[in-house]
Protein backbone atom coordinates (compact mmCIF):
# COMPACT_ATOMS: atom_id res chain seq x y z
CA MET A 1 -21.21 5.05 1.25
CA GLY A 2 -23.75 1.62 2.31
CA ILE A 3 -22.58 -1.29 4.11
CA ILE A 4 -22.51 -4.39 1.41
CA ALA A 5 -20.98 -7.05 3.80
CA LYS A 6 -20.77 -8.17 7.37
CA ASN A 7 -17.56 -7.74 8.66
CA PRO A 8 -15.74 -8.00 6.09
CA SER A 9 -12.37 -7.19 8.35
CA SER A 10 -11.83 -9.01 11.83
CA PHE A 11 -8.69 -9.94 14.10
CA LYS A 12 -7.90 -12.99 15.30
CA GLN A 13 -7.16 -13.75 18.90
CA ASN A 14 -3.15 -13.97 18.12
CA GLN A 15 -3.28 -10.70 16.61
CA VAL A 16 -4.20 -9.38 20.11
CA SER A 17 -1.19 -11.16 21.56
CA ASP A 18 1.14 -9.73 18.94
CA PHE A 19 0.05 -6.34 19.97
CA LEU A 20 0.96 -6.81 23.80
CA PHE A 21 3.72 -8.91 23.06
CA SER A 22 5.13 -5.83 21.15
CA GLN A 23 4.42 -3.42 23.98
CA SER A 24 2.85 -1.48 20.78
CA TYR A 25 0.26 -0.43 23.89
CA TRP A 26 3.11 2.25 25.59
CA GLY A 27 2.31 5.69 24.63
CA HIS A 28 4.44 8.72 26.14
CA SER A 29 5.01 10.35 29.46
CA LYS A 30 1.71 11.85 30.77
CA GLN A 31 3.22 15.27 30.57
CA TYR A 32 3.05 15.14 26.71
CA PHE A 33 -0.64 13.48 26.66
CA ASN A 34 -3.35 14.97 24.36
CA TYR A 35 -6.52 14.53 26.75
CA SER A 36 -8.89 14.15 24.18
CA LEU A 37 -7.74 10.37 23.91
CA ASN A 38 -8.71 10.04 27.49
CA LYS A 39 -11.08 7.41 26.58
CA HIS A 40 -8.67 5.26 24.43
CA VAL A 41 -6.18 5.04 27.66
CA LEU A 42 -6.05 1.91 30.09
CA GLY A 43 -4.09 3.58 32.70
CA LEU A 44 -0.62 5.32 33.61
CA LYS A 45 2.79 2.76 34.33
CA ASN A 46 5.32 4.79 35.57
CA ASN A 47 3.90 7.75 34.40
CA PHE A 48 3.97 6.44 31.00
CA ILE A 49 0.56 6.17 29.15
CA VAL A 50 -1.39 2.43 28.38
CA PHE A 51 -3.32 2.13 25.39
CA ASN A 52 -6.59 -0.17 25.72
CA SER A 53 -5.58 -2.79 23.38
CA GLU A 54 -8.91 -3.63 22.80
CA HIS A 55 -9.89 -0.10 21.53
CA PHE A 56 -6.75 -0.55 18.95
CA LEU A 57 -8.31 -3.58 17.83
CA GLU A 58 -12.02 -2.30 17.29
CA TYR A 59 -10.87 0.86 15.74
CA SER A 60 -8.29 -0.84 13.43
CA ASN A 61 -11.14 -3.15 12.20
CA ARG A 62 -13.74 0.41 11.89
CA CYS A 63 -10.88 1.55 9.52
CA GLY A 64 -10.65 -1.95 7.60
CA PHE A 65 -14.11 -1.56 7.40
CA PHE A 66 -14.08 2.01 5.91
CA CYS A 67 -11.38 1.12 3.63
CA PHE A 68 -13.62 -1.95 2.36
CA ASN A 69 -16.51 0.07 1.40
CA THR A 70 -14.27 2.69 -0.03
CA VAL A 71 -12.23 0.11 -2.42
CA TYR A 72 -15.53 -1.52 -3.61
CA ASN A 73 -17.21 1.30 -4.48
CA GLY A 74 -14.46 2.01 -6.91
CA GLY A 75 -12.79 4.67 -4.82
CA LYS A 76 -8.75 4.97 -4.63
CA ILE A 77 -6.55 5.01 -1.53
CA LEU A 78 -3.27 6.85 -1.18
CA PHE A 79 -0.55 5.65 1.66
CA VAL A 80 1.61 8.55 2.77
CA SER A 81 4.59 8.30 4.34
CA SER A 82 7.25 10.94 5.64
CA GLU A 83 9.04 8.68 7.82
CA GLU A 84 12.29 7.30 6.83
CA ASN A 85 11.86 4.13 8.84
CA TYR A 86 8.13 3.67 7.60
CA LYS A 87 8.96 3.90 3.50
CA LYS A 88 9.81 -0.10 3.05
CA LEU A 89 6.73 -0.83 4.86
CA THR A 90 4.79 1.70 3.36
CA PHE A 91 5.84 0.21 0.12
CA PHE A 92 5.34 -3.44 0.98
CA PHE A 93 1.63 -2.76 2.12
CA THR A 94 0.63 -0.22 -1.09
CA VAL A 95 1.67 -2.65 -3.60
CA ARG A 96 -0.01 -5.46 -1.61
CA SER A 97 -3.36 -3.93 -1.85
CA PHE A 98 -2.77 -2.43 -5.29
CA GLN A 99 -2.97 1.04 -4.67
CA ARG A 100 -0.59 4.29 -4.73
CA PHE A 101 1.83 5.50 -2.39
CA TYR A 102 3.92 8.57 -2.33
CA VAL A 103 6.95 8.33 0.18
CA ASP A 104 8.96 11.49 1.00
CA LYS A 105 9.97 13.81 3.89
CA TRP A 106 8.31 16.61 2.73
CA VAL A 107 4.40 16.08 2.00
CA GLY A 108 3.43 20.04 1.88
CA GLY A 109 1.61 20.99 -1.75
CA LEU A 110 1.47 17.05 -2.18
CA ILE A 111 -2.54 17.60 -2.85
CA THR A 112 -3.31 21.31 -3.30
CA ASN A 113 -0.06 21.23 -5.92
CA ASN A 114 -1.86 18.61 -7.78
CA LEU A 115 0.83 16.54 -7.54
CA PHE A 116 -1.82 13.61 -8.08
CA ASP A 117 -4.03 15.34 -10.94
CA GLU A 118 -4.32 11.93 -12.95
CA TYR A 119 -5.09 9.94 -9.48
CA VAL A 120 -6.66 12.52 -6.70
CA PRO A 121 -7.32 10.34 -3.86
CA ASP A 122 -10.53 9.10 -2.05
CA VAL A 123 -8.63 8.41 1.36
CA ILE A 124 -5.18 8.76 2.42
CA ILE A 125 -3.58 6.44 4.72
CA THR A 126 -0.35 7.11 6.93
CA SER A 127 1.00 5.94 10.05
CA ASN A 128 2.54 8.99 11.68
CA LEU A 129 1.09 12.58 11.83
CA LYS A 130 3.75 15.12 13.42
CA ARG A 131 2.83 18.43 14.63
CA ASP A 132 4.53 20.32 11.74
CA THR A 133 2.54 18.14 8.87
CA TYR A 134 0.65 19.59 6.18
CA ILE A 135 -1.47 16.95 5.34
CA LEU A 136 -4.43 17.45 7.39
CA LYS A 137 -4.72 20.60 6.31
CA GLU A 138 -4.37 20.01 2.63
CA SER A 139 -7.18 17.24 2.77
CA SER A 140 -9.44 19.11 4.85
CA CYS A 141 -9.35 21.74 2.11
CA LYS A 142 -10.12 18.85 -0.57
CA LEU A 143 -12.51 16.88 2.00
CA ILE A 144 -10.15 14.05 1.52
CA PRO A 145 -10.46 11.38 4.97
CA ILE A 146 -7.47 10.53 6.60
CA VAL A 147 -6.77 6.99 8.27
CA CYS A 148 -4.34 6.65 10.69
CA ILE A 149 -2.71 5.38 13.97
CA GLU A 150 -2.55 8.34 16.79
CA ASP A 151 -0.62 8.26 19.65
CA SER A 152 -0.66 9.82 22.91
CA ASP A 153 1.40 12.94 22.38
CA HIS A 154 -0.59 13.88 19.33
CA VAL A 155 -1.92 17.50 19.83
CA LEU A 156 -3.84 17.71 16.42
CA ASN A 157 -6.38 14.37 16.90
CA LYS A 158 -8.33 15.66 13.82
CA SER A 159 -8.16 12.58 11.29
CA PHE A 160 -11.39 11.03 10.22
CA TYR A 161 -10.78 7.55 10.84
CA SER A 162 -8.19 6.96 14.09
CA SER A 163 -6.88 3.55 15.73
CA PHE A 164 -4.86 4.15 19.04
CA ALA A 165 -1.41 3.11 19.71
CA ASN A 166 2.58 3.89 19.68
CA ASP A 167 3.38 5.09 16.15
CA ASP A 168 6.79 4.88 16.68
CA LYS A 169 6.72 0.96 16.93
CA LYS A 170 6.95 -0.57 13.49
CA HIS A 171 4.90 -3.43 15.05
CA SER A 172 1.93 -1.34 15.58
CA VAL A 173 2.10 0.54 11.90
CA HIS A 174 2.40 -3.44 10.39
CA LEU A 175 -0.85 -4.32 12.71
CA PHE A 176 -2.63 -1.58 11.59
CA TYR A 177 -1.82 -1.67 7.55
CA LYS A 178 -2.22 -5.52 7.85
CA THR A 179 -5.60 -4.96 8.86
CA LEU A 180 -6.13 -2.19 6.41
CA THR A 181 -4.93 -3.92 3.49
CA ASP A 182 -6.85 -7.13 4.39
CA SER A 183 -9.95 -5.53 4.04
CA MET A 184 -8.87 -4.09 0.65
CA ILE A 185 -7.85 -6.90 -1.04
CA LYS A 186 -11.34 -9.14 0.47
CA SER A 187 -13.27 -6.14 -1.09
CA LEU A 188 -11.90 -6.71 -4.23
CA LEU A 189 -11.94 -10.58 -4.34
CA PHE A 190 -15.86 -9.67 -3.20
CA LYS A 191 -16.28 -7.24 -6.12
CA TYR A 192 -14.74 -9.63 -8.66
CA SER A 193 -16.96 -12.80 -7.74
CA LYS A 194 -19.86 -10.51 -7.66
CA ASP A 195 -18.64 -9.28 -11.11
CA MET A 196 -18.48 -13.23 -12.13
CA SER A 197 -21.42 -14.30 -11.23
CA SER A 198 -23.89 -11.40 -12.60
């Protein structure tokens, strides 16, 4: 997909302070650390991982830009959540961005069993990739990119587009989803205004 606009999604300064104030930068104990995330970590505090907040913001913007281009080019995005705590949050941001969602504990067979025959997504957005999830395997089979937050205890680290923060914090997920959906809304408005002017 080509670049069609400059900086469609950007964080404001208050979002940096929101991220820090909510303590979304805390990862897990260093004994569970996935060392492939080394470059996204600022350091350790009492043996707990501290994520670099600038990396969260930068990579979230990159994910937002990817979603912007996907929606602009007519692509479809599917929000997936298997976490009970994030169901309402996922539903809110899905509706906000005029996309589709799947909220259930069981995500195995979501794509390969053709649950979305009439709506095969071009991108899947999820907030929490657990070790036992099938979503990565299935999306790889169908070559569907995944956008997500990766936490320090993730052993997979194979999603296509990631941001790095505590995925057990609702505030992290809220900030991340807000960035993505802001981009999608801007994309729809940009496309609409372009259609109206032609």
